Amino acid sequence: MVQRIGSFRRKSRGKLTKHFRGRGKVSLTKYFQKFSPGDKVVLDAEPAVHKGMYFPRFHGRNGVVVSQIGRCYNVKITDISKEKTLIVHPVHLKRSQ
């Protein structure tokens, strides 16, 4: 079998970069935001924080918070027709309307 070339953030330059006006320190309110089970969220990666980041393929997907695991949240999404659960830090989540 062939060894995989590259890492987690390979080919994600456009997806995982901030707009030049949005650069700087991460907002603490975004870092410590709380969610409860059943809340609808959007996966929105914060490129400055690598901890608790999901795989870039799921960027922009909608999901539902299932539970809290330590500081992170268990988020259920649908990938094509499969149900998948991701463990995501709250800095990478945004409330869905």
C-alpha atoms as a PDB file:
ATOM      1  CA  MET A   1       0.000   0.000   0.000  1.00  0.00           C
ATOM      2  CA  VAL A   2       1.227   3.510  -0.794  1.00  0.00           C
ATOM      3  CA  GLN A   3       2.066   5.847   2.064  1.00  0.00           C
ATOM      4  CA  ARG A   4      -0.106   8.950   2.339  1.00  0.00           C
ATOM      5  CA  ILE A   5       1.719  12.123   1.350  1.00  0.00           C
ATOM      6  CA  GLY A   6       0.944  15.277   3.255  1.00  0.00           C
ATOM      7  CA  SER A   7      -0.679  16.168   6.515  1.00  0.00           C
ATOM      8  CA  PHE A   8      -3.993  17.217   8.016  1.00  0.00           C
ATOM      9  CA  ARG A   9      -3.965  20.740   6.540  1.00  0.00           C
ATOM     10  CA  ARG A  10      -2.684  19.806   3.069  1.00  0.00           C
ATOM     11  CA  LYS A  11      -4.389  21.622   0.130  1.00  0.00           C
ATOM     12  CA  SER A  12      -6.460  23.801   2.439  1.00  0.00           C
ATOM     13  CA  ARG A  13      -4.844  27.207   1.941  1.00  0.00           C
ATOM     14  CA  GLY A  14      -8.025  28.998   0.929  1.00  0.00           C
ATOM     15  CA  LYS A  15     -10.243  27.169   3.358  1.00  0.00           C
ATOM     16  CA  LEU A  16      -8.099  27.705   6.443  1.00  0.00           C
ATOM     17  CA  THR A  17      -7.004  31.324   6.026  1.00  0.00           C
ATOM     18  CA  LYS A  18      -8.564  34.401   7.568  1.00  0.00           C
ATOM     19  CA  HIS A  19      -9.478  37.593   5.792  1.00  0.00           C
ATOM     20  CA  PHE A  20      -6.800  40.201   6.412  1.00  0.00           C
ATOM     21  CA  ARG A  21      -9.179  42.334   8.524  1.00  0.00           C
ATOM     22  CA  GLY A  22     -10.099  39.362  10.700  1.00  0.00           C
ATOM     23  CA  ARG A  23      -6.583  38.554  11.805  1.00  0.00           C
ATOM     24  CA  GLY A  24      -5.341  39.032  15.340  1.00  0.00           C
ATOM     25  CA  LYS A  25      -6.181  37.561  18.698  1.00  0.00           C
ATOM     26  CA  VAL A  26      -9.083  35.142  18.993  1.00  0.00           C
ATOM     27  CA  SER A  27     -12.123  36.546  20.787  1.00  0.00           C
ATOM     28  CA  LEU A  28     -12.557  35.044  24.259  1.00  0.00           C
ATOM     29  CA  THR A  29     -16.344  35.041  23.915  1.00  0.00           C
ATOM     30  CA  LYS A  30     -16.011  32.829  20.840  1.00  0.00           C
ATOM     31  CA  TYR A  31     -13.457  30.626  22.611  1.00  0.00           C
ATOM     32  CA  PHE A  32     -15.633  30.042  25.706  1.00  0.00           C
ATOM     33  CA  GLN A  33     -19.105  29.950  24.108  1.00  0.00           C
ATOM     34  CA  LYS A  34     -21.532  27.367  25.487  1.00  0.00           C
ATOM     35  CA  PHE A  35     -23.851  25.029  23.620  1.00  0.00           C
ATOM     36  CA  SER A  36     -26.489  22.652  24.886  1.00  0.00           C
ATOM     37  CA  PRO A  37     -27.505  19.302  23.378  1.00  0.00           C
ATOM     38  CA  GLY A  38     -29.857  19.806  20.439  1.00  0.00           C
ATOM     39  CA  ASP A  39     -28.407  23.166  19.359  1.00  0.00           C
ATOM     40  CA  LYS A  40     -27.877  23.547  15.612  1.00  0.00           C
ATOM     41  CA  VAL A  41     -24.374  24.682  14.676  1.00  0.00           C
ATOM     42  CA  VAL A  42     -22.263  25.392  11.599  1.00  0.00           C
ATOM     43  CA  LEU A  43     -18.683  24.104  11.384  1.00  0.00           C
ATOM     44  CA  ASP A  44     -16.615  27.253  10.886  1.00  0.00           C
ATOM     45  CA  ALA A  45     -12.892  26.664  11.440  1.00  0.00           C
ATOM     46  CA  GLU A  46     -10.779  29.180  13.331  1.00  0.00           C
ATOM     47  CA  PRO A  47      -7.360  28.809  11.627  1.00  0.00           C
ATOM     48  CA  ALA A  48      -5.414  30.329  14.535  1.00  0.00           C
ATOM     49  CA  VAL A  49      -6.465  27.510  16.913  1.00  0.00           C
ATOM     50  CA  HIS A  50      -5.347  24.049  15.838  1.00  0.00           C
ATOM     51  CA  LYS A  51      -6.589  22.183  18.898  1.00  0.00           C
ATOM     52  CA  GLY A  52     -10.019  20.616  18.504  1.00  0.00           C
ATOM     53  CA  MET A  53     -10.222  21.318  14.770  1.00  0.00           C
ATOM     54  CA  TYR A  54     -12.174  18.910  12.571  1.00  0.00           C
ATOM     55  CA  PHE A  55     -11.036  17.570   9.198  1.00  0.00           C
ATOM     56  CA  PRO A  56     -11.219  20.413   6.601  1.00  0.00           C
ATOM     57  CA  ARG A  57     -13.545  18.384   4.366  1.00  0.00           C
ATOM     58  CA  PHE A  58     -16.411  19.155   6.761  1.00  0.00           C
ATOM     59  CA  HIS A  59     -15.901  22.956   6.647  1.00  0.00           C
ATOM     60  CA  GLY A  60     -19.222  24.800   6.367  1.00  0.00           C
ATOM     61  CA  ARG A  61     -21.405  21.793   7.201  1.00  0.00           C
ATOM     62  CA  ASN A  62     -24.419  22.012   9.495  1.00  0.00           C
ATOM     63  CA  GLY A  63     -24.678  19.768  12.512  1.00  0.00           C
ATOM     64  CA  VAL A  64     -26.388  19.154  15.835  1.00  0.00           C
ATOM     65  CA  VAL A  65     -24.664  19.172  19.218  1.00  0.00           C
ATOM     66  CA  VAL A  66     -25.109  15.771  20.859  1.00  0.00           C
ATOM     67  CA  SER A  67     -23.124  16.131  24.079  1.00  0.00           C
ATOM     68  CA  GLN A  68     -20.155  17.798  25.723  1.00  0.00           C
ATOM     69  CA  ILE A  69     -16.841  15.990  26.118  1.00  0.00           C
ATOM     70  CA  GLY A  70     -14.524  17.981  28.376  1.00  0.00           C
ATOM     71  CA  ARG A  71     -14.125  21.393  26.723  1.00  0.00           C
ATOM     72  CA  CYS A  72     -15.193  20.094  23.301  1.00  0.00           C
ATOM     73  CA  TYR A  73     -18.569  19.131  21.874  1.00  0.00           C
ATOM     74  CA  ASN A  74     -19.748  16.001  20.118  1.00  0.00           C
ATOM     75  CA  VAL A  75     -21.380  17.192  16.862  1.00  0.00           C
ATOM     76  CA  LYS A  76     -23.446  14.934  14.599  1.00  0.00           C
ATOM     77  CA  ILE A  77     -23.328  15.681  10.850  1.00  0.00           C
ATOM     78  CA  THR A  78     -24.431  13.878   7.699  1.00  0.00           C
ATOM     79  CA  ASP A  79     -21.716  13.178   5.138  1.00  0.00           C
ATOM     80  CA  ILE A  80     -23.511  12.257   1.906  1.00  0.00           C
ATOM     81  CA  SER A  81     -25.808   9.593   3.438  1.00  0.00           C
ATOM     82  CA  LYS A  82     -23.788   8.579   6.519  1.00  0.00           C
ATOM     83  CA  GLU A  83     -24.209   9.942  10.030  1.00  0.00           C
ATOM     84  CA  LYS A  84     -20.857  10.985  11.491  1.00  0.00           C
ATOM     85  CA  THR A  85     -19.856  12.387  14.855  1.00  0.00           C
ATOM     86  CA  LEU A  86     -17.039  14.907  15.253  1.00  0.00           C
ATOM     87  CA  ILE A  87     -15.370  16.147  18.423  1.00  0.00           C
ATOM     88  CA  VAL A  88     -15.003  19.902  17.948  1.00  0.00           C
ATOM     89  CA  HIS A  89     -13.752  22.732  20.155  1.00  0.00           C
ATOM     90  CA  PRO A  90     -16.339  25.553  20.554  1.00  0.00           C
ATOM     91  CA  VAL A  91     -14.056  28.091  18.841  1.00  0.00           C
ATOM     92  CA  HIS A  92     -14.716  26.220  15.576  1.00  0.00           C
ATOM     93  CA  LEU A  93     -18.514  26.318  15.959  1.00  0.00           C
ATOM     94  CA  LYS A  94     -21.047  28.997  15.086  1.00  0.00           C
ATOM     95  CA  ARG A  95     -24.733  29.026  16.020  1.00  0.00           C
ATOM     96  CA  SER A  96     -27.107  28.309  13.160  1.00  0.00           C
ATOM     97  CA  GLN A  97     -30.264  30.380  12.695  1.00  0.00           C
END
